[in-house]
C-alpha atoms as a PDB file:
ATOM      1  CA  UNK A   1       7.026   8.785  44.116  1.00  0.00           C
ATOM      2  CA  UNK A   2       3.035   7.860  43.393  1.00  0.00           C
ATOM      3  CA  UNK A   3       2.305   4.793  41.415  1.00  0.00           C
ATOM      4  CA  UNK A   4       0.436   4.720  38.271  1.00  0.00           C
ATOM      5  CA  UNK A   5      -3.273   3.999  39.501  1.00  0.00           C
ATOM      6  CA  UNK A   6      -4.236   0.887  37.088  1.00  0.00           C
ATOM      7  CA  UNK A   7      -7.352   1.334  35.670  1.00  0.00           C
ATOM      8  CA  UNK A   8     -10.224  -1.676  35.892  1.00  0.00           C
ATOM      9  CA  UNK A   9      -8.886  -3.928  33.261  1.00  0.00           C
ATOM     10  CA  UNK A  10      -5.269  -3.733  35.041  1.00  0.00           C
ATOM     11  CA  UNK A  11      -3.727  -1.201  32.475  1.00  0.00           C
ATOM     12  CA  UNK A  12      -1.950   1.972  33.424  1.00  0.00           C
ATOM     13  CA  UNK A  13      -2.885   5.450  31.584  1.00  0.00           C
ATOM     14  CA  UNK A  14       0.545   5.273  30.121  1.00  0.00           C
ATOM     15  CA  UNK A  15       0.228   1.850  29.004  1.00  0.00           C
ATOM     16  CA  UNK A  16      -3.210   3.064  27.322  1.00  0.00           C
ATOM     17  CA  UNK A  17      -1.754   5.951  25.799  1.00  0.00           C
ATOM     18  CA  UNK A  18       1.071   3.898  23.816  1.00  0.00           C
ATOM     19  CA  UNK A  19      -1.200   1.652  22.253  1.00  0.00           C
ATOM     20  CA  UNK A  20      -3.270   4.473  20.937  1.00  0.00           C
ATOM     21  CA  UNK A  21      -0.363   6.199  19.418  1.00  0.00           C
ATOM     22  CA  UNK A  22       1.040   3.127  18.270  1.00  0.00           C
ATOM     23  CA  UNK A  23      -2.328   1.692  16.506  1.00  0.00           C
ATOM     24  CA  UNK A  24      -0.756   2.109  13.132  1.00  0.00           C
ATOM     25  CA  UNK A  25       1.747  -0.770  14.274  1.00  0.00           C
ATOM     26  CA  UNK A  26      -1.353  -3.293  13.351  1.00  0.00           C
ATOM     27  CA  UNK A  27      -1.021  -2.054   9.710  1.00  0.00           C
ATOM     28  CA  UNK A  28       1.025  -5.028   7.751  1.00  0.00           C
ATOM     29  CA  UNK A  29       4.321  -5.054   5.296  1.00  0.00           C
ATOM     30  CA  UNK A  30       2.968  -5.995   1.883  1.00  0.00           C
ATOM     31  CA  UNK A  31       5.069  -8.403  -0.221  1.00  0.00           C
ATOM     32  CA  UNK A  32       8.598  -6.572  -1.232  1.00  0.00           C
ATOM     33  CA  UNK A  33       7.800  -4.049   0.273  1.00  0.00           C
ATOM     34  CA  UNK A  34      11.526  -4.082   1.963  1.00  0.00           C
ATOM     35  CA  UNK A  35      13.089  -3.500  -1.543  1.00  0.00           C
ATOM     36  CA  UNK A  36      11.313  -0.160  -2.116  1.00  0.00           C
ATOM     37  CA  UNK A  37      13.763   1.094   1.512  1.00  0.00           C
ATOM     38  CA  UNK A  38      16.514  -0.508   0.125  1.00  0.00           C
ATOM     39  CA  UNK A  39      16.496   0.861  -2.806  1.00  0.00           C
ATOM     40  CA  UNK A  40      16.456   4.002  -1.273  1.00  0.00           C
ATOM     41  CA  UNK A  41      19.235   3.686   1.350  1.00  0.00           C
ATOM     42  CA  UNK A  42      21.615   3.204  -1.362  1.00  0.00           C
ATOM     43  CA  UNK A  43      19.983   6.545  -3.013  1.00  0.00           C
ATOM     44  CA  UNK A  44      17.705   5.397  -6.041  1.00  0.00           C
ATOM     45  CA  UNK A  45      14.749   7.934  -6.705  1.00  0.00           C
ATOM     46  CA  UNK A  46      11.797   5.755  -7.029  1.00  0.00           C
ATOM     47  CA  UNK A  47       9.415   7.756  -8.889  1.00  0.00           C
ATOM     48  CA  UNK A  48       6.902   4.608 -10.227  1.00  0.00           C
ATOM     49  CA  UNK A  49       5.572   1.675  -8.176  1.00  0.00           C
ATOM     50  CA  UNK A  50       3.887  -0.637  -9.784  1.00  0.00           C
ATOM     51  CA  UNK A  51       0.734  -2.803  -7.688  1.00  0.00           C
ATOM     52  CA  UNK A  52      -0.064  -6.264  -8.978  1.00  0.00           C
ATOM     53  CA  UNK A  53      -3.577  -7.632  -7.532  1.00  0.00           C
ATOM     54  CA  UNK A  54      -5.667 -10.901  -8.554  1.00  0.00           C
ATOM     55  CA  UNK A  55      -4.728 -14.069 -11.094  1.00  0.00           C
ATOM     56  CA  UNK A  56      -1.138 -13.561 -11.877  1.00  0.00           C
ATOM     57  CA  UNK A  57       0.129 -11.228  -9.732  1.00  0.00           C
ATOM     58  CA  UNK A  58       2.974 -13.124  -8.274  1.00  0.00           C
ATOM     59  CA  UNK A  59       4.080 -13.678 -12.077  1.00  0.00           C
ATOM     60  CA  UNK A  60       3.549  -9.897 -13.054  1.00  0.00           C
ATOM     61  CA  UNK A  61       5.612  -8.204  -9.489  1.00  0.00           C
ATOM     62  CA  UNK A  62       8.707 -11.231 -10.715  1.00  0.00           C
ATOM     63  CA  UNK A  63       8.579  -9.596 -13.864  1.00  0.00           C
ATOM     64  CA  UNK A  64       8.398  -5.754 -12.493  1.00  0.00           C
ATOM     65  CA  UNK A  65      11.201  -7.015 -10.212  1.00  0.00           C
ATOM     66  CA  UNK A  66      13.429  -6.780 -13.141  1.00  0.00           C
ATOM     67  CA  UNK A  67      13.331  -3.340 -14.032  1.00  0.00           C
ATOM     68  CA  UNK A  68      15.541  -2.733 -10.980  1.00  0.00           C
ATOM     69  CA  UNK A  69      13.587   0.713 -10.131  1.00  0.00           C
ATOM     70  CA  UNK A  70      10.271   0.330 -10.501  1.00  0.00           C
ATOM     71  CA  UNK A  71       9.646  -2.050  -7.933  1.00  0.00           C
ATOM     72  CA  UNK A  72       6.335  -4.232  -7.374  1.00  0.00           C
ATOM     73  CA  UNK A  73       4.641  -4.633  -4.521  1.00  0.00           C
ATOM     74  CA  UNK A  74       1.627  -7.271  -4.230  1.00  0.00           C
ATOM     75  CA  UNK A  75      -1.500  -7.533  -2.371  1.00  0.00           C
ATOM     76  CA  UNK A  76      -2.460 -11.039  -1.730  1.00  0.00           C
ATOM     77  CA  UNK A  77      -5.435 -12.771  -2.746  1.00  0.00           C
ATOM     78  CA  UNK A  78      -8.712 -11.705  -0.250  1.00  0.00           C
ATOM     79  CA  UNK A  79      -6.572  -9.592   1.692  1.00  0.00           C
ATOM     80  CA  UNK A  80      -8.092  -5.923   2.357  1.00  0.00           C
ATOM     81  CA  UNK A  81      -6.324  -3.108   1.095  1.00  0.00           C
ATOM     82  CA  UNK A  82      -6.594  -1.608   4.339  1.00  0.00           C
ATOM     83  CA  UNK A  83      -4.547  -3.673   5.896  1.00  0.00           C
ATOM     84  CA  UNK A  84      -1.769  -2.680   4.629  1.00  0.00           C
ATOM     85  CA  UNK A  85       1.010   0.056   4.621  1.00  0.00           C
ATOM     86  CA  UNK A  86       1.069   1.391   1.580  1.00  0.00           C
ATOM     87  CA  UNK A  87       4.360   2.737   1.268  1.00  0.00           C
ATOM     88  CA  UNK A  88       3.525   5.389  -2.133  1.00  0.00           C
ATOM     89  CA  UNK A  89       3.982   8.944  -0.747  1.00  0.00           C
ATOM     90  CA  UNK A  90       4.541  11.140  -3.389  1.00  0.00           C
ATOM     91  CA  UNK A  91       5.038   8.532  -6.680  1.00  0.00           C
ATOM     92  CA  UNK A  92       3.248   7.600  -9.387  1.00  0.00           C
ATOM     93  CA  UNK A  93       1.387   4.532  -9.034  1.00  0.00           C
ATOM     94  CA  UNK A  94       0.442   1.885 -11.708  1.00  0.00           C
ATOM     95  CA  UNK A  95      -2.022  -1.008 -10.616  1.00  0.00           C
ATOM     96  CA  UNK A  96      -1.659  -4.229 -12.790  1.00  0.00           C
ATOM     97  CA  UNK A  97      -5.098  -6.107 -11.651  1.00  0.00           C
ATOM     98  CA  UNK A  98      -6.104  -9.240 -13.138  1.00  0.00           C
ATOM     99  CA  UNK A  99      -8.624 -11.455 -12.977  1.00  0.00           C
ATOM    100  CA  UNK A 100     -10.143 -12.391  -9.451  1.00  0.00           C
ATOM    101  CA  UNK A 101     -11.143  -8.822  -7.624  1.00  0.00           C
ATOM    102  CA  UNK A 102     -13.968  -7.302  -7.226  1.00  0.00           C
ATOM    103  CA  UNK A 103     -15.121  -3.508  -7.783  1.00  0.00           C
ATOM    104  CA  UNK A 104     -15.497  -3.017  -4.238  1.00  0.00           C
ATOM    105  CA  UNK A 105     -11.695  -4.147  -3.869  1.00  0.00           C
ATOM    106  CA  UNK A 106     -10.454  -2.454  -6.345  1.00  0.00           C
ATOM    107  CA  UNK A 107     -11.910   1.096  -5.411  1.00  0.00           C
ATOM    108  CA  UNK A 108     -10.372   0.342  -1.320  1.00  0.00           C
ATOM    109  CA  UNK A 109      -7.124   0.105  -3.051  1.00  0.00           C
ATOM    110  CA  UNK A 110      -7.460   3.386  -5.031  1.00  0.00           C
ATOM    111  CA  UNK A 111      -8.896   5.048  -1.812  1.00  0.00           C
ATOM    112  CA  UNK A 112      -5.991   3.769   0.315  1.00  0.00           C
ATOM    113  CA  UNK A 113      -2.977   4.742  -2.590  1.00  0.00           C
ATOM    114  CA  UNK A 114      -4.451   8.036  -2.820  1.00  0.00           C
ATOM    115  CA  UNK A 115      -5.125   8.337   1.460  1.00  0.00           C
ATOM    116  CA  UNK A 116      -1.171   7.268   1.373  1.00  0.00           C
ATOM    117  CA  UNK A 117      -0.156  10.293  -0.402  1.00  0.00           C
ATOM    118  CA  UNK A 118       0.492   8.594  -4.045  1.00  0.00           C
ATOM    119  CA  UNK A 119       0.268  11.554  -7.152  1.00  0.00           C
ATOM    120  CA  UNK A 120      -1.360   9.505  -9.322  1.00  0.00           C
ATOM    121  CA  UNK A 121      -2.438   6.283  -9.957  1.00  0.00           C
ATOM    122  CA  UNK A 122      -3.737   4.111 -13.211  1.00  0.00           C
ATOM    123  CA  UNK A 123      -5.810   1.181 -13.096  1.00  0.00           C
ATOM    124  CA  UNK A 124      -4.644  -1.519 -15.955  1.00  0.00           C
ATOM    125  CA  UNK A 125      -7.112  -4.426 -15.912  1.00  0.00           C
ATOM    126  CA  UNK A 126      -4.988  -6.959 -18.041  1.00  0.00           C
ATOM    127  CA  UNK A 127      -8.865  -9.078 -19.106  1.00  0.00           C
ATOM    128  CA  UNK A 128     -10.309  -6.270 -20.560  1.00  0.00           C
ATOM    129  CA  UNK A 129     -10.616  -3.911 -23.531  1.00  0.00           C
ATOM    130  CA  UNK A 130     -11.613  -0.618 -21.936  1.00  0.00           C
ATOM    131  CA  UNK A 131      -8.356  -1.512 -19.122  1.00  0.00           C
ATOM    132  CA  UNK A 132      -7.122   2.017 -18.578  1.00  0.00           C
ATOM    133  CA  UNK A 133      -8.838   4.468 -15.616  1.00  0.00           C
ATOM    134  CA  UNK A 134      -6.753   6.972 -13.865  1.00  0.00           C
ATOM    135  CA  UNK A 135      -7.449   8.683 -10.323  1.00  0.00           C
ATOM    136  CA  UNK A 136      -5.419  11.806  -9.473  1.00  0.00           C
ATOM    137  CA  UNK A 137      -4.793  12.912  -6.218  1.00  0.00           C
ATOM    138  CA  UNK A 138      -7.385  15.942  -4.856  1.00  0.00           C
ATOM    139  CA  UNK A 139      -4.373  18.635  -4.409  1.00  0.00           C
ATOM    140  CA  UNK A 140      -2.535  17.551  -7.680  1.00  0.00           C
ATOM    141  CA  UNK A 141      -2.827  19.390 -10.996  1.00  0.00           C
ATOM    142  CA  UNK A 142      -4.226  17.366 -13.649  1.00  0.00           C
END
């Protein structure tokens, strides 16, 4: 049996492959995301998820938690949407946006949600008269 050849960095080829395959592990879990897997383990079908962002997002998420089968997720202030895992595949998503997040952050969030497999994303800006915008995944019939 021959030993693994080490690279100049001191890492084996197997270790490099493992890092490449598990690069997704660098994404963080969102606040309240454990509740989604908990509901699913009890056989609850989750069709709809709310993402709370901006001023008052924690209070808004607590209100959504009361519904039980409509779990909220919270994007903490100042965090990039692309740094989190989004468990929204095959689901409808409502973004409850308070004052604070920039248009660029909201756009990045919408892209992350659609990339993660959301069927439809609806943006509700609680501070605007023209508050509801909808976005569909490319493969979903409108």
